[in-house]
């Protein structure tokens, strides 16, 4: 089963969207099925881009909660990245100034 990914308007790499949809049929963080979104871990406004090492496939409700500033959602995503996505930590470290990835 392929994921029901809703492309965010800022993600322009359609090949990446297709690949992420094939790899994930549930939220990477919670395992919840349902509408999925692609979340830039390092926001584009902070120098992030459409690199698969910068994107999590997460449930739409978790995505909305994160961007509303819900601390529980932020901790949940941060903990997942720390524990399961060393590629994202490496990506953030390579794209940002010293100390940003550690503080994040």
Protein backbone atom coordinates (compact mmCIF):
# COMPACT_ATOMS: atom_id res chain seq x y z
CA UNK A 1 0.00 0.00 0.00
CA UNK A 2 1.36 3.43 -0.87
CA UNK A 3 0.99 6.41 1.40
CA UNK A 4 -1.62 9.10 0.92
CA UNK A 5 0.96 11.88 0.83
CA UNK A 6 -0.24 15.42 0.46
CA UNK A 7 2.61 17.37 -1.10
CA UNK A 8 3.36 20.60 0.65
CA UNK A 9 3.45 23.47 -1.84
CA UNK A 10 7.11 24.08 -1.06
CA UNK A 11 8.27 20.58 -2.00
CA UNK A 12 9.05 20.77 -5.69
CA UNK A 13 11.05 17.55 -6.12
CA UNK A 14 8.32 15.23 -7.45
CA UNK A 15 10.70 12.25 -7.62
CA UNK A 16 11.39 12.64 -3.91
CA UNK A 17 7.66 12.84 -3.18
CA UNK A 18 7.06 9.61 -5.08
CA UNK A 19 9.97 7.83 -3.39
CA UNK A 20 8.92 8.86 0.10
CA UNK A 21 5.36 7.75 -0.67
CA UNK A 22 6.57 4.32 -1.74
CA UNK A 23 8.79 3.89 1.32
CA UNK A 24 6.23 4.87 3.96
CA UNK A 25 2.62 3.91 4.44
CA UNK A 26 2.41 5.25 7.99
CA UNK A 27 3.85 8.02 10.15
CA UNK A 28 7.57 7.50 10.76
CA UNK A 29 7.23 8.87 14.28
CA UNK A 30 3.98 7.40 15.62
CA UNK A 31 3.23 4.55 13.21
CA UNK A 32 -0.25 6.00 12.72
CA UNK A 33 -1.98 5.38 9.40
CA UNK A 34 -3.89 8.11 7.66
CA UNK A 35 -3.14 11.25 5.75
CA UNK A 36 0.61 11.81 5.71
CA UNK A 37 2.62 14.96 5.20
CA UNK A 38 6.26 15.55 4.40
CA UNK A 39 7.93 17.64 7.10
CA UNK A 40 11.17 19.57 6.56
CA UNK A 41 13.21 19.08 9.72
CA UNK A 42 15.49 22.00 8.85
CA UNK A 43 13.00 24.52 7.51
CA UNK A 44 13.63 25.97 4.07
CA UNK A 45 13.68 29.41 5.68
CA UNK A 46 16.70 28.21 7.72
CA UNK A 47 18.59 26.77 4.74
CA UNK A 48 16.96 23.35 4.45
CA UNK A 49 15.95 21.89 1.13
CA UNK A 50 14.08 18.98 -0.44
CA UNK A 51 16.74 16.44 0.51
CA UNK A 52 15.40 13.09 1.77
CA UNK A 53 17.80 13.48 4.72
CA UNK A 54 15.83 16.57 5.69
CA UNK A 55 12.33 15.11 5.46
CA UNK A 56 10.16 13.05 7.76
CA UNK A 57 6.92 11.39 6.67
CA UNK A 58 4.53 12.19 9.50
CA UNK A 59 0.81 12.07 10.18
CA UNK A 60 -1.02 15.26 9.23
CA UNK A 61 -2.26 15.86 12.79
CA UNK A 62 1.28 15.59 14.20
CA UNK A 63 2.48 17.97 11.48
CA UNK A 64 -0.20 20.54 12.33
CA UNK A 65 0.49 20.21 16.06
CA UNK A 66 4.23 20.71 15.49
CA UNK A 67 3.71 23.90 13.50
CA UNK A 68 1.18 25.21 16.02
CA UNK A 69 3.95 25.07 18.61
CA UNK A 70 2.70 22.02 20.52
CA UNK A 71 5.63 21.13 22.78
CA UNK A 72 4.68 17.43 22.96
CA UNK A 73 4.72 17.15 19.15
CA UNK A 74 8.07 18.94 18.98
CA UNK A 75 9.62 16.66 21.61
CA UNK A 76 8.18 13.57 19.92
CA UNK A 77 9.65 14.52 16.54
CA UNK A 78 12.97 15.61 18.05
CA UNK A 79 13.32 12.39 20.01
CA UNK A 80 12.53 10.32 16.92
CA UNK A 81 15.14 12.16 14.88
CA UNK A 82 17.75 11.77 17.63
CA UNK A 83 17.06 8.07 18.15
CA UNK A 84 16.24 6.86 14.62
CA UNK A 85 17.43 9.28 11.95
CA UNK A 86 21.16 9.96 12.27
CA UNK A 87 21.08 10.96 8.60
CA UNK A 88 19.01 14.00 9.55
CA UNK A 89 21.41 15.00 12.33
CA UNK A 90 24.31 14.72 9.88
CA UNK A 91 22.40 16.76 7.31
CA UNK A 92 21.56 19.52 9.80
CA UNK A 93 25.16 19.58 11.03
CA UNK A 94 26.46 19.96 7.47
CA UNK A 95 24.02 22.78 6.65
CA UNK A 96 24.20 24.92 9.77
CA UNK A 97 26.61 26.74 12.00
CA UNK A 98 28.40 24.96 14.83
CA UNK A 99 26.15 24.12 17.74
CA UNK A 100 22.81 24.40 15.91
CA UNK A 101 22.28 20.64 15.50
CA UNK A 102 23.21 19.98 19.11
CA UNK A 103 20.85 22.67 20.36
CA UNK A 104 18.10 21.45 18.09
